[in-house]
Amino acid sequence: TLLATRVSHGWSLSGLGAPQGVLTAYARIDNLLDRRYVGSVIVNQAAGQFYEPAPGRNYTLGLKAVLPL
């Protein structure tokens, strides 16, 4: 079983003298329990490596701004 979580929060930019817009901060964690599993299977592989491991626990942090043109 794989677990992931994400959280985000948005702020309106209209009260700051900027054009109407939204700023959103977000964070995400994939493979929360750091499980080992097969990420992909290669069909007809001659070298004998049929399975590729998936990434371990990984994180994403970001900001997103949506402004009108």
PDB file of N, CA and C in Angstrom:
ATOM      1  N   THR A   1       0.836  -1.177   0.000  1.00  0.00           N
ATOM      2  CA  THR A   1       0.000   0.000   0.000  1.00  0.00           C
ATOM      3  C   THR A   1       0.880   1.238   0.000  1.00  0.00           C
ATOM      4  N   LEU A   2       0.585   2.154  -0.894  1.00  0.00           N
ATOM      5  CA  LEU A   2       1.307   3.418  -0.958  1.00  0.00           C
ATOM      6  C   LEU A   2       0.433   4.521  -0.387  1.00  0.00           C
ATOM      7  N   LEU A   3       1.053   5.419   0.357  1.00  0.00           N
ATOM      8  CA  LEU A   3       0.338   6.558   0.911  1.00  0.00           C
ATOM      9  C   LEU A   3       0.981   7.848   0.415  1.00  0.00           C
ATOM     10  N   ALA A   4       0.140   8.838   0.191  1.00  0.00           N
ATOM     11  CA  ALA A   4       0.612  10.166  -0.202  1.00  0.00           C
ATOM     12  C   ALA A   4      -0.254  11.187   0.515  1.00  0.00           C
ATOM     13  N   THR A   5       0.284  12.365   0.707  1.00  0.00           N
ATOM     14  CA  THR A   5      -0.488  13.431   1.327  1.00  0.00           C
ATOM     15  C   THR A   5      -0.158  14.746   0.645  1.00  0.00           C
ATOM     16  N   ARG A   6      -1.109  15.650   0.673  1.00  0.00           N
ATOM     17  CA  ARG A   6      -0.863  16.981   0.126  1.00  0.00           C
ATOM     18  C   ARG A   6      -1.694  17.990   0.908  1.00  0.00           C
ATOM     19  N   VAL A   7      -1.191  19.196   0.942  1.00  0.00           N
ATOM     20  CA  VAL A   7      -1.863  20.285   1.634  1.00  0.00           C
ATOM     21  C   VAL A   7      -1.610  21.567   0.850  1.00  0.00           C
ATOM     22  N   SER A   8      -2.601  22.462   0.834  1.00  0.00           N
ATOM     23  CA  SER A   8      -2.420  23.734   0.148  1.00  0.00           C
ATOM     24  C   SER A   8      -3.248  24.806   0.843  1.00  0.00           C
ATOM     25  N   HIS A   9      -2.837  26.040   0.612  1.00  0.00           N
ATOM     26  CA  HIS A   9      -3.561  27.183   1.164  1.00  0.00           C
ATOM     27  C   HIS A   9      -3.447  28.335   0.168  1.00  0.00           C
ATOM     28  N   GLY A  10      -4.560  29.028  -0.046  1.00  0.00           N
ATOM     29  CA  GLY A  10      -4.566  30.126  -1.008  1.00  0.00           C
ATOM     30  C   GLY A  10      -4.900  31.455  -0.352  1.00  0.00           C
ATOM     31  N   TRP A  11      -4.334  32.539  -0.921  1.00  0.00           N
ATOM     32  CA  TRP A  11      -4.576  33.900  -0.450  1.00  0.00           C
ATOM     33  C   TRP A  11      -5.024  34.751  -1.625  1.00  0.00           C
ATOM     34  N   SER A  12      -5.993  35.610  -1.387  1.00  0.00           N
ATOM     35  CA  SER A  12      -6.432  36.558  -2.399  1.00  0.00           C
ATOM     36  C   SER A  12      -5.465  37.738  -2.418  1.00  0.00           C
ATOM     37  N   LEU A  13      -5.084  38.185  -3.602  1.00  0.00           N
ATOM     38  CA  LEU A  13      -4.147  39.300  -3.746  1.00  0.00           C
ATOM     39  C   LEU A  13      -4.853  40.626  -3.996  1.00  0.00           C
ATOM     40  N   SER A  14      -6.172  40.634  -4.022  1.00  0.00           N
ATOM     41  CA  SER A  14      -6.893  41.851  -4.390  1.00  0.00           C
ATOM     42  C   SER A  14      -6.751  42.963  -3.350  1.00  0.00           C
ATOM     43  N   GLY A  15      -6.534  42.646  -2.087  1.00  0.00           N
ATOM     44  CA  GLY A  15      -6.422  43.671  -1.059  1.00  0.00           C
ATOM     45  C   GLY A  15      -5.040  44.274  -0.930  1.00  0.00           C
ATOM     46  N   LEU A  16      -4.084  43.829  -1.709  1.00  0.00           N
ATOM     47  CA  LEU A  16      -2.701  44.294  -1.590  1.00  0.00           C
ATOM     48  C   LEU A  16      -2.332  45.307  -2.665  1.00  0.00           C
ATOM     49  N   GLY A  17      -3.309  45.849  -3.353  1.00  0.00           N
ATOM     50  CA  GLY A  17      -3.026  46.811  -4.415  1.00  0.00           C
ATOM     51  C   GLY A  17      -2.664  46.150  -5.727  1.00  0.00           C
ATOM     52  N   ALA A  18      -2.583  44.825  -5.740  1.00  0.00           N
ATOM     53  CA  ALA A  18      -2.272  44.076  -6.960  1.00  0.00           C
ATOM     54  C   ALA A  18      -3.578  43.807  -7.703  1.00  0.00           C
ATOM     55  N   PRO A  19      -3.495  43.441  -8.969  1.00  0.00           N
ATOM     56  CA  PRO A  19      -4.708  43.056  -9.682  1.00  0.00           C
ATOM     57  C   PRO A  19      -5.345  41.837  -9.004  1.00  0.00           C
ATOM     58  N   GLN A  20      -6.628  41.629  -9.261  1.00  0.00           N
ATOM     59  CA  GLN A  20      -7.336  40.475  -8.705  1.00  0.00           C
ATOM     60  C   GLN A  20      -6.550  39.211  -9.041  1.00  0.00           C
ATOM     61  N   GLY A  21      -6.183  38.440  -8.043  1.00  0.00           N
ATOM     62  CA  GLY A  21      -5.414  37.227  -8.275  1.00  0.00           C
ATOM     63  C   GLY A  21      -5.375  36.368  -7.028  1.00  0.00           C
ATOM     64  N   VAL A  22      -4.753  35.215  -7.142  1.00  0.00           N
ATOM     65  CA  VAL A  22      -4.662  34.264  -6.036  1.00  0.00           C
ATOM     66  C   VAL A  22      -3.241  33.730  -5.960  1.00  0.00           C
ATOM     67  N   LEU A  23      -2.705  33.658  -4.750  1.00  0.00           N
ATOM     68  CA  LEU A  23      -1.409  33.038  -4.485  1.00  0.00           C
ATOM     69  C   LEU A  23      -1.677  31.782  -3.666  1.00  0.00           C
ATOM     70  N   THR A  24      -1.160  30.643  -4.124  1.00  0.00           N
ATOM     71  CA  THR A  24      -1.391  29.370  -3.451  1.00  0.00           C
ATOM     72  C   THR A  24      -0.048  28.733  -3.104  1.00  0.00           C
ATOM     73  N   ALA A  25       0.109  28.335  -1.843  1.00  0.00           N
ATOM     74  CA  ALA A  25       1.283  27.573  -1.391  1.00  0.00           C
ATOM     75  C   ALA A  25       0.847  26.117  -1.233  1.00  0.00           C
ATOM     76  N   TYR A  26       1.713  25.186  -1.646  1.00  0.00           N
ATOM     77  CA  TYR A  26       1.344  23.775  -1.526  1.00  0.00           C
ATOM     78  C   TYR A  26       2.553  22.921  -1.147  1.00  0.00           C
ATOM     79  N   ALA A  27       2.262  21.785  -0.523  1.00  0.00           N
ATOM     80  CA  ALA A  27       3.283  20.795  -0.156  1.00  0.00           C
ATOM     81  C   ALA A  27       2.697  19.416  -0.407  1.00  0.00           C
ATOM     82  N   ARG A  28       3.557  18.492  -0.829  1.00  0.00           N
ATOM     83  CA  ARG A  28       3.111  17.138  -1.143  1.00  0.00           C
ATOM     84  C   ARG A  28       4.206  16.155  -0.768  1.00  0.00           C
ATOM     85  N   ILE A  29       3.822  15.007  -0.221  1.00  0.00           N
ATOM     86  CA  ILE A  29       4.752  13.918   0.067  1.00  0.00           C
ATOM     87  C   ILE A  29       4.193  12.661  -0.585  1.00  0.00           C
ATOM     88  N   ASP A  30       4.986  12.040  -1.448  1.00  0.00           N
ATOM     89  CA  ASP A  30       4.617  10.777  -2.087  1.00  0.00           C
ATOM     90  C   ASP A  30       5.392   9.640  -1.442  1.00  0.00           C
ATOM     91  N   ASN A  31       4.798   8.446  -1.444  1.00  0.00           N
ATOM     92  CA  ASN A  31       5.389   7.256  -0.832  1.00  0.00           C
ATOM     93  C   ASN A  31       5.756   7.556   0.628  1.00  0.00           C
ATOM     94  N   LEU A  32       4.769   7.991   1.373  1.00  0.00           N
ATOM     95  CA  LEU A  32       4.942   8.450   2.743  1.00  0.00           C
ATOM     96  C   LEU A  32       5.632   7.423   3.642  1.00  0.00           C
ATOM     97  N   LEU A  33       5.355   6.136   3.448  1.00  0.00           N
ATOM     98  CA  LEU A  33       5.947   5.084   4.276  1.00  0.00           C
ATOM     99  C   LEU A  33       7.271   4.563   3.716  1.00  0.00           C
ATOM    100  N   ASP A  34       7.750   5.165   2.626  1.00  0.00           N
ATOM    101  CA  ASP A  34       9.019   4.790   1.986  1.00  0.00           C
ATOM    102  C   ASP A  34       9.062   3.315   1.600  1.00  0.00           C
ATOM    103  N   ARG A  35       8.000   2.825   0.992  1.00  0.00           N
ATOM    104  CA  ARG A  35       7.909   1.420   0.570  1.00  0.00           C
ATOM    105  C   ARG A  35       8.747   1.179  -0.681  1.00  0.00           C
ATOM    106  N   ARG A  36       9.268  -0.036  -0.799  1.00  0.00           N
ATOM    107  CA  ARG A  36       9.960  -0.449  -2.018  1.00  0.00           C
ATOM    108  C   ARG A  36       8.954  -1.156  -2.905  1.00  0.00           C
ATOM    109  N   TYR A  37       8.859  -0.741  -4.160  1.00  0.00           N
ATOM    110  CA  TYR A  37       7.944  -1.374  -5.099  1.00  0.00           C
ATOM    111  C   TYR A  37       8.454  -1.171  -6.513  1.00  0.00           C
ATOM    112  N   VAL A  38       7.881  -1.932  -7.432  1.00  0.00           N
ATOM    113  CA  VAL A  38       8.283  -1.866  -8.832  1.00  0.00           C
ATOM    114  C   VAL A  38       7.601  -0.672  -9.473  1.00  0.00           C
ATOM    115  N   GLY A  39       8.401   0.216 -10.059  1.00  0.00           N
ATOM    116  CA  GLY A  39       7.847   1.396 -10.713  1.00  0.00           C
ATOM    117  C   GLY A  39       7.440   1.140 -12.147  1.00  0.00           C
ATOM    118  N   SER A  40       8.181   0.262 -12.834  1.00  0.00           N
ATOM    119  CA  SER A  40       7.824  -0.072 -14.210  1.00  0.00           C
ATOM    120  C   SER A  40       8.426  -1.422 -14.576  1.00  0.00           C
ATOM    121  N   VAL A  41       7.815  -2.049 -15.558  1.00  0.00           N
ATOM    122  CA  VAL A  41       8.262  -3.344 -16.072  1.00  0.00           C
ATOM    123  C   VAL A  41       8.632  -3.143 -17.532  1.00  0.00           C
ATOM    124  N   ILE A  42       9.830  -3.618 -17.912  1.00  0.00           N
ATOM    125  CA  ILE A  42      10.295  -3.495 -19.291  1.00  0.00           C
ATOM    126  C   ILE A  42      10.035  -4.826 -19.999  1.00  0.00           C
ATOM    127  N   VAL A  43       9.255  -4.785 -21.043  1.00  0.00           N
ATOM    128  CA  VAL A  43       8.909  -5.991 -21.792  1.00  0.00           C
ATOM    129  C   VAL A  43       9.998  -6.260 -22.826  1.00  0.00           C
ATOM    130  N   ASN A  44      10.389  -7.520 -22.978  1.00  0.00           N
ATOM    131  CA  ASN A  44      11.390  -7.966 -23.950  1.00  0.00           C
ATOM    132  C   ASN A  44      12.760  -7.337 -23.710  1.00  0.00           C
ATOM    133  N   GLN A  45      13.154  -7.215 -22.473  1.00  0.00           N
ATOM    134  CA  GLN A  45      14.476  -6.667 -22.135  1.00  0.00           C
ATOM    135  C   GLN A  45      15.508  -7.783 -22.260  1.00  0.00           C
ATOM    136  N   ALA A  46      16.544  -7.570 -23.044  1.00  0.00           N
ATOM    137  CA  ALA A  46      17.558  -8.591 -23.283  1.00  0.00           C
ATOM    138  C   ALA A  46      18.610  -8.638 -22.185  1.00  0.00           C
ATOM    139  N   ALA A  47      18.816  -7.561 -21.443  1.00  0.00           N
ATOM    140  CA  ALA A  47      19.883  -7.503 -20.442  1.00  0.00           C
ATOM    141  C   ALA A  47      19.498  -8.173 -19.122  1.00  0.00           C
ATOM    142  N   GLY A  48      18.257  -8.595 -18.963  1.00  0.00           N
ATOM    143  CA  GLY A  48      17.855  -9.291 -17.749  1.00  0.00           C
ATOM    144  C   GLY A  48      17.334  -8.387 -16.644  1.00  0.00           C
ATOM    145  N   GLN A  49      17.255  -7.110 -16.874  1.00  0.00           N
ATOM    146  CA  GLN A  49      16.711  -6.200 -15.874  1.00  0.00           C
ATOM    147  C   GLN A  49      15.290  -5.854 -16.292  1.00  0.00           C
ATOM    148  N   PHE A  50      14.338  -6.633 -15.804  1.00  0.00           N
ATOM    149  CA  PHE A  50      12.953  -6.466 -16.228  1.00  0.00           C
ATOM    150  C   PHE A  50      12.223  -5.419 -15.398  1.00  0.00           C
ATOM    151  N   TYR A  51      12.633  -5.242 -14.154  1.00  0.00           N
ATOM    152  CA  TYR A  51      11.917  -4.368 -13.239  1.00  0.00           C
ATOM    153  C   TYR A  51      12.757  -3.153 -12.878  1.00  0.00           C
ATOM    154  N   GLU A  52      12.135  -1.999 -12.846  1.00  0.00           N
ATOM    155  CA  GLU A  52      12.819  -0.785 -12.408  1.00  0.00           C
ATOM    156  C   GLU A  52      12.193  -0.336 -11.095  1.00  0.00           C
ATOM    157  N   PRO A  53      13.013  -0.051 -10.098  1.00  0.00           N
ATOM    158  CA  PRO A  53      12.449   0.378  -8.821  1.00  0.00           C
ATOM    159  C   PRO A  53      11.821   1.762  -8.923  1.00  0.00           C
ATOM    160  N   ALA A  54      10.791   1.972  -8.143  1.00  0.00           N
ATOM    161  CA  ALA A  54      10.149   3.285  -8.075  1.00  0.00           C
ATOM    162  C   ALA A  54      10.928   4.156  -7.093  1.00  0.00           C
ATOM    163  N   PRO A  55      10.771   5.470  -7.171  1.00  0.00           N
ATOM    164  CA  PRO A  55      11.477   6.335  -6.223  1.00  0.00           C
ATOM    165  C   PRO A  55      10.984   6.115  -4.798  1.00  0.00           C
ATOM    166  N   GLY A  56      11.853   6.386  -3.849  1.00  0.00           N
ATOM    167  CA  GLY A  56      11.467   6.313  -2.443  1.00  0.00           C
ATOM    168  C   GLY A  56      10.623   7.520  -2.067  1.00  0.00           C
ATOM    169  N   ARG A  57      10.582   7.818  -0.801  1.00  0.00           N
ATOM    170  CA  ARG A  57       9.814   8.979  -0.338  1.00  0.00           C
ATOM    171  C   ARG A  57      10.350  10.230  -1.026  1.00  0.00           C
ATOM    172  N   ASN A  58       9.459  11.069  -1.533  1.00  0.00           N
ATOM    173  CA  ASN A  58       9.888  12.307  -2.164  1.00  0.00           C
ATOM    174  C   ASN A  58       8.906  13.426  -1.833  1.00  0.00           C
ATOM    175  N   TYR A  59       9.415  14.648  -1.923  1.00  0.00           N
ATOM    176  CA  TYR A  59       8.699  15.833  -1.468  1.00  0.00           C
ATOM    177  C   TYR A  59       8.575  16.851  -2.602  1.00  0.00           C
ATOM    178  N   THR A  60       7.502  17.622  -2.549  1.00  0.00           N
ATOM    179  CA  THR A  60       7.310  18.729  -3.469  1.00  0.00           C
ATOM    180  C   THR A  60       6.778  19.923  -2.696  1.00  0.00           C
ATOM    181  N   LEU A  61       7.422  21.066  -2.843  1.00  0.00           N
ATOM    182  CA  LEU A  61       6.959  22.319  -2.249  1.00  0.00           C
ATOM    183  C   LEU A  61       6.843  23.342  -3.378  1.00  0.00           C
ATOM    184  N   GLY A  62       5.831  24.206  -3.302  1.00  0.00           N
ATOM    185  CA  GLY A  62       5.719  25.178  -4.371  1.00  0.00           C
ATOM    186  C   GLY A  62       4.786  26.336  -4.057  1.00  0.00           C
ATOM    187  N   LEU A  63       4.884  27.325  -4.915  1.00  0.00           N
ATOM    188  CA  LEU A  63       3.997  28.489  -4.903  1.00  0.00           C
ATOM    189  C   LEU A  63       3.410  28.634  -6.291  1.00  0.00           C
ATOM    190  N   LYS A  64       2.132  28.972  -6.338  1.00  0.00           N
ATOM    191  CA  LYS A  64       1.458  29.181  -7.612  1.00  0.00           C
ATOM    192  C   LYS A  64       0.746  30.524  -7.560  1.00  0.00           C
ATOM    193  N   ALA A  65       1.008  31.379  -8.531  1.00  0.00           N
ATOM    194  CA  ALA A  65       0.358  32.679  -8.621  1.00  0.00           C
ATOM    195  C   ALA A  65      -0.527  32.701  -9.870  1.00  0.00           C
ATOM    196  N   VAL A  66      -1.776  33.077  -9.696  1.00  0.00           N
ATOM    197  CA  VAL A  66      -2.697  33.225 -10.811  1.00  0.00           C
ATOM    198  C   VAL A  66      -3.100  34.680 -10.878  1.00  0.00           C
ATOM    199  N   LEU A  67      -2.672  35.366 -11.945  1.00  0.00           N
ATOM    200  CA  LEU A  67      -2.955  36.790 -12.131  1.00  0.00           C
ATOM    201  C   LEU A  67      -3.631  37.000 -13.475  1.00  0.00           C
ATOM    202  N   PRO A  68      -4.582  37.917 -13.539  1.00  0.00           N
ATOM    203  CA  PRO A  68      -5.221  38.177 -14.824  1.00  0.00           C
ATOM    204  C   PRO A  68      -4.284  38.912 -15.774  1.00  0.00           C
ATOM    205  N   LEU A  69      -4.494  38.756 -17.042  1.00  0.00           N
ATOM    206  CA  LEU A  69      -3.687  39.457 -18.040  1.00  0.00           C
ATOM    207  C   LEU A  69      -4.306  40.799 -18.369  1.00  0.00           C
TER     208      LEU A  69
END
